[in-house]
PDB file of N, CA and C in Angstrom:
ATOM      1  N   UNK A   1       0.889  -1.074  -0.064  1.00  0.00           N
ATOM      2  CA  UNK A   1      -0.112  -0.043   0.011  1.00  0.00           C
ATOM      3  C   UNK A   1       0.883   1.163   0.155  1.00  0.00           C
ATOM      4  N   UNK A   2       0.628   2.104  -0.722  1.00  0.00           N
ATOM      5  CA  UNK A   2       1.465   3.267  -1.011  1.00  0.00           C
ATOM      6  C   UNK A   2       0.858   4.531  -0.214  1.00  0.00           C
ATOM      7  N   UNK A   3       1.441   5.740   0.011  1.00  0.00           N
ATOM      8  CA  UNK A   3       0.913   6.702   0.787  1.00  0.00           C
ATOM      9  C   UNK A   3      -0.040   7.413   0.075  1.00  0.00           C
ATOM     10  N   UNK A   4      -0.450   7.426  -1.201  1.00  0.00           N
ATOM     11  CA  UNK A   4      -1.287   7.839  -1.504  1.00  0.00           C
ATOM     12  C   UNK A   4      -2.731   7.202  -1.415  1.00  0.00           C
ATOM     13  N   UNK A   5      -2.724   5.923  -1.259  1.00  0.00           N
ATOM     14  CA  UNK A   5      -3.996   4.999  -0.914  1.00  0.00           C
ATOM     15  C   UNK A   5      -4.152   5.296   0.693  1.00  0.00           C
ATOM     16  N   UNK A   6      -3.077   5.420   1.551  1.00  0.00           N
ATOM     17  CA  UNK A   6      -3.362   6.136   2.963  1.00  0.00           C
ATOM     18  C   UNK A   6      -4.022   7.120   3.042  1.00  0.00           C
ATOM     19  N   UNK A   7      -3.444   8.331   2.162  1.00  0.00           N
ATOM     20  CA  UNK A   7      -3.738   9.407   2.191  1.00  0.00           C
ATOM     21  C   UNK A   7      -5.472   9.141   1.834  1.00  0.00           C
ATOM     22  N   UNK A   8      -5.718   8.444   0.957  1.00  0.00           N
ATOM     23  CA  UNK A   8      -6.950   8.478   0.405  1.00  0.00           C
ATOM     24  C   UNK A   8      -8.031   7.878   1.566  1.00  0.00           C
ATOM     25  N   UNK A   9      -7.611   6.959   2.246  1.00  0.00           N
ATOM     26  CA  UNK A   9      -8.229   6.218   3.427  1.00  0.00           C
ATOM     27  C   UNK A   9      -8.565   7.275   4.342  1.00  0.00           C
ATOM     28  N   UNK A  10      -7.447   8.271   4.727  1.00  0.00           N
ATOM     29  CA  UNK A  10      -7.504   9.285   5.883  1.00  0.00           C
ATOM     30  C   UNK A  10      -8.861  10.259   5.577  1.00  0.00           C
ATOM     31  N   UNK A  11      -8.637  10.945   4.154  1.00  0.00           N
ATOM     32  CA  UNK A  11      -9.498  11.767   3.506  1.00  0.00           C
ATOM     33  C   UNK A  11     -11.165  11.176   3.549  1.00  0.00           C
ATOM     34  N   UNK A  12     -11.224  10.044   3.037  1.00  0.00           N
ATOM     35  CA  UNK A  12     -12.435   9.570   3.130  1.00  0.00           C
ATOM     36  C   UNK A  12     -13.142   9.178   4.571  1.00  0.00           C
ATOM     37  N   UNK A  13     -12.165   8.825   5.589  1.00  0.00           N
ATOM     38  CA  UNK A  13     -12.621   9.033   7.106  1.00  0.00           C
ATOM     39  C   UNK A  13     -13.120  10.589   7.496  1.00  0.00           C
ATOM     40  N   UNK A  14     -12.166  11.471   7.012  1.00  0.00           N
ATOM     41  CA  UNK A  14     -12.696  12.865   7.265  1.00  0.00           C
ATOM     42  C   UNK A  14     -14.039  13.051   6.773  1.00  0.00           C
ATOM     43  N   UNK A  15     -13.965  12.913   5.624  1.00  0.00           N
ATOM     44  CA  UNK A  15     -15.415  13.190   4.883  1.00  0.00           C
ATOM     45  C   UNK A  15     -16.543  12.699   5.552  1.00  0.00           C
ATOM     46  N   UNK A  16     -16.202  11.334   5.955  1.00  0.00           N
ATOM     47  CA  UNK A  16     -17.357  10.550   6.580  1.00  0.00           C
ATOM     48  C   UNK A  16     -17.923  11.455   7.849  1.00  0.00           C
ATOM     49  N   UNK A  17     -17.023  11.642   8.412  1.00  0.00           N
ATOM     50  CA  UNK A  17     -17.313  12.387   9.926  1.00  0.00           C
ATOM     51  C   UNK A  17     -18.024  13.921   9.450  1.00  0.00           C
ATOM     52  N   UNK A  18     -17.619  14.576   8.413  1.00  0.00           N
ATOM     53  CA  UNK A  18     -17.920  15.838   8.234  1.00  0.00           C
ATOM     54  C   UNK A  18     -19.390  16.023   7.614  1.00  0.00           C
ATOM     55  N   UNK A  19     -19.431  15.009   6.563  1.00  0.00           N
ATOM     56  CA  UNK A  19     -20.564  15.126   5.808  1.00  0.00           C
ATOM     57  C   UNK A  19     -21.278  13.990   5.407  1.00  0.00           C
ATOM     58  N   UNK A  20     -20.480  12.696   5.252  1.00  0.00           N
ATOM     59  CA  UNK A  20     -20.963  11.592   5.053  1.00  0.00           C
ATOM     60  C   UNK A  20     -20.376  10.975   3.531  1.00  0.00           C
ATOM     61  N   UNK A  21     -20.684  10.015   3.170  1.00  0.00           N
ATOM     62  CA  UNK A  21     -19.992   9.206   2.321  1.00  0.00           C
ATOM     63  C   UNK A  21     -21.071   8.896   1.208  1.00  0.00           C
ATOM     64  N   UNK A  22     -20.915   8.800  -0.075  1.00  0.00           N
ATOM     65  CA  UNK A  22     -21.757   8.174  -0.941  1.00  0.00           C
ATOM     66  C   UNK A  22     -21.438   6.753  -1.060  1.00  0.00           C
ATOM     67  N   UNK A  23     -22.690   6.085  -1.695  1.00  0.00           N
ATOM     68  CA  UNK A  23     -22.570   4.207  -1.722  1.00  0.00           C
ATOM     69  C   UNK A  23     -20.984   4.101  -2.269  1.00  0.00           C
ATOM     70  N   UNK A  24     -20.707   4.564  -3.346  1.00  0.00           N
ATOM     71  CA  UNK A  24     -19.457   4.309  -3.963  1.00  0.00           C
ATOM     72  C   UNK A  24     -18.352   4.917  -3.497  1.00  0.00           C
ATOM     73  N   UNK A  25     -18.301   5.788  -2.500  1.00  0.00           N
ATOM     74  CA  UNK A  25     -17.211   6.205  -1.675  1.00  0.00           C
ATOM     75  C   UNK A  25     -17.237   5.278  -0.484  1.00  0.00           C
ATOM     76  N   UNK A  26     -18.183   4.658  -0.045  1.00  0.00           N
ATOM     77  CA  UNK A  26     -18.098   3.638   1.350  1.00  0.00           C
ATOM     78  C   UNK A  26     -17.724   2.270   0.737  1.00  0.00           C
ATOM     79  N   UNK A  27     -18.071   2.067  -0.494  1.00  0.00           N
ATOM     80  CA  UNK A  27     -17.293   0.760  -1.267  1.00  0.00           C
ATOM     81  C   UNK A  27     -16.122   0.900  -1.233  1.00  0.00           C
ATOM     82  N   UNK A  28     -15.285   2.387  -1.723  1.00  0.00           N
ATOM     83  CA  UNK A  28     -13.990   2.410  -1.743  1.00  0.00           C
ATOM     84  C   UNK A  28     -13.126   2.504  -0.506  1.00  0.00           C
ATOM     85  N   UNK A  29     -13.855   2.943   0.484  1.00  0.00           N
ATOM     86  CA  UNK A  29     -12.982   3.018   1.735  1.00  0.00           C
ATOM     87  C   UNK A  29     -13.166   1.454   2.501  1.00  0.00           C
ATOM     88  N   UNK A  30     -13.929   0.717   2.302  1.00  0.00           N
ATOM     89  CA  UNK A  30     -14.025  -0.510   2.660  1.00  0.00           C
ATOM     90  C   UNK A  30     -12.623  -1.373   1.956  1.00  0.00           C
ATOM     91  N   UNK A  31     -12.752  -1.345   0.605  1.00  0.00           N
ATOM     92  CA  UNK A  31     -11.940  -1.745   0.103  1.00  0.00           C
ATOM     93  C   UNK A  31     -10.288  -1.603   0.187  1.00  0.00           C
ATOM     94  N   UNK A  32     -10.188  -0.135   0.680  1.00  0.00           N
ATOM     95  CA  UNK A  32      -9.057   0.191   0.821  1.00  0.00           C
ATOM     96  C   UNK A  32      -8.459  -0.212   2.305  1.00  0.00           C
ATOM     97  N   UNK A  33      -9.456  -0.084   3.178  1.00  0.00           N
ATOM     98  CA  UNK A  33      -9.271  -0.760   4.647  1.00  0.00           C
ATOM     99  C   UNK A  33      -9.090  -2.261   4.487  1.00  0.00           C
ATOM    100  N   UNK A  34      -9.439  -2.886   3.436  1.00  0.00           N
ATOM    101  CA  UNK A  34      -9.045  -4.095   3.619  1.00  0.00           C
ATOM    102  C   UNK A  34      -7.906  -4.568   3.101  1.00  0.00           C
ATOM    103  N   UNK A  35      -7.220  -3.912   2.143  1.00  0.00           N
ATOM    104  CA  UNK A  35      -5.942  -3.909   1.517  1.00  0.00           C
ATOM    105  C   UNK A  35      -5.079  -3.532   2.449  1.00  0.00           C
ATOM    106  N   UNK A  36      -5.238  -2.295   3.190  1.00  0.00           N
ATOM    107  CA  UNK A  36      -4.511  -1.829   4.587  1.00  0.00           C
ATOM    108  C   UNK A  36      -4.225  -2.892   5.430  1.00  0.00           C
ATOM    109  N   UNK A  37      -5.491  -3.759   5.838  1.00  0.00           N
ATOM    110  CA  UNK A  37      -5.291  -4.592   7.001  1.00  0.00           C
ATOM    111  C   UNK A  37      -4.342  -6.235   6.376  1.00  0.00           C
ATOM    112  N   UNK A  38      -4.562  -6.155   5.281  1.00  0.00           N
ATOM    113  CA  UNK A  38      -3.897  -7.444   4.431  1.00  0.00           C
ATOM    114  C   UNK A  38      -2.193  -6.941   4.568  1.00  0.00           C
ATOM    115  N   UNK A  39      -1.950  -5.880   3.966  1.00  0.00           N
ATOM    116  CA  UNK A  39      -0.871  -5.518   3.961  1.00  0.00           C
ATOM    117  C   UNK A  39      -0.088  -5.176   5.550  1.00  0.00           C
ATOM    118  N   UNK A  40      -0.805  -5.002   6.679  1.00  0.00           N
ATOM    119  CA  UNK A  40      -0.213  -5.157   7.905  1.00  0.00           C
ATOM    120  C   UNK A  40       0.124  -6.428   8.325  1.00  0.00           C
ATOM    121  N   UNK A  41      -0.907  -7.547   8.152  1.00  0.00           N
ATOM    122  CA  UNK A  41      -0.732  -8.765   8.542  1.00  0.00           C
ATOM    123  C   UNK A  41       0.396  -9.662   7.813  1.00  0.00           C
ATOM    124  N   UNK A  42       0.605  -9.073   6.351  1.00  0.00           N
ATOM    125  CA  UNK A  42       1.528  -9.771   5.623  1.00  0.00           C
ATOM    126  C   UNK A  42       2.903  -9.199   6.243  1.00  0.00           C
ATOM    127  N   UNK A  43       3.262  -8.034   6.417  1.00  0.00           N
ATOM    128  CA  UNK A  43       4.278  -7.408   7.041  1.00  0.00           C
ATOM    129  C   UNK A  43       4.558  -8.086   8.485  1.00  0.00           C
ATOM    130  N   UNK A  44       3.627  -8.296   9.518  1.00  0.00           N
ATOM    131  CA  UNK A  44       3.640  -8.779  10.764  1.00  0.00           C
ATOM    132  C   UNK A  44       4.288 -10.208  10.686  1.00  0.00           C
ATOM    133  N   UNK A  45       3.576 -10.958   9.454  1.00  0.00           N
ATOM    134  CA  UNK A  45       3.966 -12.396   9.561  1.00  0.00           C
ATOM    135  C   UNK A  45       5.711 -12.330   9.194  1.00  0.00           C
ATOM    136  N   UNK A  46       5.820 -11.637   8.145  1.00  0.00           N
ATOM    137  CA  UNK A  46       7.304 -11.478   7.642  1.00  0.00           C
ATOM    138  C   UNK A  46       8.216 -11.232   8.585  1.00  0.00           C
ATOM    139  N   UNK A  47       7.848 -10.224   9.529  1.00  0.00           N
ATOM    140  CA  UNK A  47       8.408  -9.957  10.758  1.00  0.00           C
ATOM    141  C   UNK A  47       8.946 -11.407  11.590  1.00  0.00           C
ATOM    142  N   UNK A  48       7.724 -11.893  12.107  1.00  0.00           N
ATOM    143  CA  UNK A  48       7.779 -12.896  13.035  1.00  0.00           C
ATOM    144  C   UNK A  48       8.396 -14.054  12.286  1.00  0.00           C
ATOM    145  N   UNK A  49       8.265 -14.210  11.035  1.00  0.00           N
ATOM    146  CA  UNK A  49       9.275 -15.534  10.529  1.00  0.00           C
ATOM    147  C   UNK A  49      10.846 -15.329  10.655  1.00  0.00           C
ATOM    148  N   UNK A  50      11.171 -13.848  10.849  1.00  0.00           N
ATOM    149  CA  UNK A  50      12.405 -13.772  10.916  1.00  0.00           C
ATOM    150  C   UNK A  50      13.209 -13.684  12.148  1.00  0.00           C
ATOM    151  N   UNK A  51      12.318 -14.176  13.164  1.00  0.00           N
ATOM    152  CA  UNK A  51      12.755 -13.868  14.934  1.00  0.00           C
ATOM    153  C   UNK A  51      13.670 -15.205  14.676  1.00  0.00           C
ATOM    154  N   UNK A  52      15.024 -15.116  15.567  1.00  0.00           N
ATOM    155  CA  UNK A  52      15.726 -16.052  15.897  1.00  0.00           C
ATOM    156  C   UNK A  52      15.610 -15.973  17.448  1.00  0.00           C
ATOM    157  N   UNK A  53      15.608 -17.233  17.930  1.00  0.00           N
ATOM    158  CA  UNK A  53      15.492 -17.562  19.441  1.00  0.00           C
ATOM    159  C   UNK A  53      16.922 -18.496  20.030  1.00  0.00           C
ATOM    160  N   UNK A  54      17.291 -18.002  20.824  1.00  0.00           N
ATOM    161  CA  UNK A  54      18.422 -18.515  21.475  1.00  0.00           C
ATOM    162  C   UNK A  54      18.034 -19.572  22.606  1.00  0.00           C
ATOM    163  N   UNK A  55      18.040 -20.656  22.442  1.00  0.00           N
ATOM    164  CA  UNK A  55      17.873 -21.695  23.226  1.00  0.00           C
ATOM    165  C   UNK A  55      18.622 -22.056  24.423  1.00  0.00           C
ATOM    166  N   UNK A  56      18.124 -22.621  25.478  1.00  0.00           N
ATOM    167  CA  UNK A  56      19.196 -22.688  26.672  1.00  0.00           C
ATOM    168  C   UNK A  56      20.175 -23.439  26.507  1.00  0.00           C
ATOM    169  N   UNK A  57      20.129 -24.493  25.433  1.00  0.00           N
ATOM    170  CA  UNK A  57      21.396 -24.724  25.068  1.00  0.00           C
ATOM    171  C   UNK A  57      22.539 -24.343  24.439  1.00  0.00           C
ATOM    172  N   UNK A  58      22.062 -22.985  23.890  1.00  0.00           N
ATOM    173  CA  UNK A  58      22.907 -22.057  23.056  1.00  0.00           C
ATOM    174  C   UNK A  58      22.595 -22.062  21.848  1.00  0.00           C
ATOM    175  N   UNK A  59      21.938 -23.085  21.136  1.00  0.00           N
ATOM    176  CA  UNK A  59      21.460 -23.011  19.768  1.00  0.00           C
ATOM    177  C   UNK A  59      20.632 -21.923  19.283  1.00  0.00           C
ATOM    178  N   UNK A  60      21.028 -21.753  18.080  1.00  0.00           N
ATOM    179  CA  UNK A  60      19.904 -20.454  17.541  1.00  0.00           C
ATOM    180  C   UNK A  60      18.860 -21.108  16.610  1.00  0.00           C
ATOM    181  N   UNK A  61      17.341 -20.790  16.784  1.00  0.00           N
ATOM    182  CA  UNK A  61      16.584 -21.252  15.841  1.00  0.00           C
ATOM    183  C   UNK A  61      15.827 -20.309  15.511  1.00  0.00           C
ATOM    184  N   UNK A  62      15.653 -20.443  14.226  1.00  0.00           N
ATOM    185  CA  UNK A  62      14.791 -19.551  13.362  1.00  0.00           C
ATOM    186  C   UNK A  62      13.100 -19.760  13.585  1.00  0.00           C
ATOM    187  N   UNK A  63      12.463 -19.142  14.173  1.00  0.00           N
ATOM    188  CA  UNK A  63      10.705 -19.634  14.376  1.00  0.00           C
ATOM    189  C   UNK A  63       9.918 -19.687  13.091  1.00  0.00           C
ATOM    190  N   UNK A  64      10.525 -18.848  12.046  1.00  0.00           N
ATOM    191  CA  UNK A  64      10.156 -19.095  10.896  1.00  0.00           C
ATOM    192  C   UNK A  64      10.304 -20.295  10.157  1.00  0.00           C
ATOM    193  N   UNK A  65      11.320 -20.936  10.323  1.00  0.00           N
ATOM    194  CA  UNK A  65      11.731 -22.222   9.884  1.00  0.00           C
ATOM    195  C   UNK A  65      11.059 -23.382  10.488  1.00  0.00           C
ATOM    196  N   UNK A  66      11.162 -23.141  12.181  1.00  0.00           N
ATOM    197  CA  UNK A  66      10.592 -24.103  12.724  1.00  0.00           C
ATOM    198  C   UNK A  66       8.953 -23.878  12.706  1.00  0.00           C
ATOM    199  N   UNK A  67       8.079 -23.146  12.179  1.00  0.00           N
ATOM    200  CA  UNK A  67       6.890 -23.255  12.100  1.00  0.00           C
ATOM    201  C   UNK A  67       6.506 -22.969  10.647  1.00  0.00           C
ATOM    202  N   UNK A  68       7.339 -23.217   9.652  1.00  0.00           N
ATOM    203  CA  UNK A  68       7.021 -23.285   8.493  1.00  0.00           C
ATOM    204  C   UNK A  68       6.612 -22.409   7.803  1.00  0.00           C
ATOM    205  N   UNK A  69       7.431 -20.930   8.131  1.00  0.00           N
ATOM    206  CA  UNK A  69       7.008 -19.786   7.529  1.00  0.00           C
ATOM    207  C   UNK A  69       5.414 -19.934   6.882  1.00  0.00           C
ATOM    208  N   UNK A  70       4.746 -19.797   8.062  1.00  0.00           N
ATOM    209  CA  UNK A  70       3.227 -19.337   7.629  1.00  0.00           C
ATOM    210  C   UNK A  70       2.990 -17.826   6.899  1.00  0.00           C
ATOM    211  N   UNK A  71       2.184 -17.905   6.045  1.00  0.00           N
ATOM    212  CA  UNK A  71       1.786 -16.583   5.467  1.00  0.00           C
ATOM    213  C   UNK A  71       0.682 -15.889   5.694  1.00  0.00           C
ATOM    214  N   UNK A  72      -0.066 -16.640   6.557  1.00  0.00           N
ATOM    215  CA  UNK A  72      -1.458 -15.695   6.772  1.00  0.00           C
ATOM    216  C   UNK A  72      -1.632 -15.887   8.150  1.00  0.00           C
ATOM    217  N   UNK A  73      -2.033 -14.965   8.961  1.00  0.00           N
ATOM    218  CA  UNK A  73      -2.412 -14.599  10.136  1.00  0.00           C
ATOM    219  C   UNK A  73      -3.949 -14.800  10.316  1.00  0.00           C
ATOM    220  N   UNK A  74      -4.550 -15.450  11.037  1.00  0.00           N
ATOM    221  CA  UNK A  74      -6.117 -15.570  11.331  1.00  0.00           C
ATOM    222  C   UNK A  74      -5.955 -14.779  12.634  1.00  0.00           C
TER     223      UNK A  74
END
């Protein structure tokens, strides 16, 4: 998601509070919000898959490798 899309989400939010949205704008807002949430989940999963944990015996274990680099968060 690029900055232009985030700015559009914010603009639609401000307009919804000030004067309300048309049906088309409500659909656009819902779609943009879904895309934003999907991107946040994707980024979080990528971060979690890159965590290394040091075990008590001193070995290093990558949690992404251990749990199969799951791509979706539910």
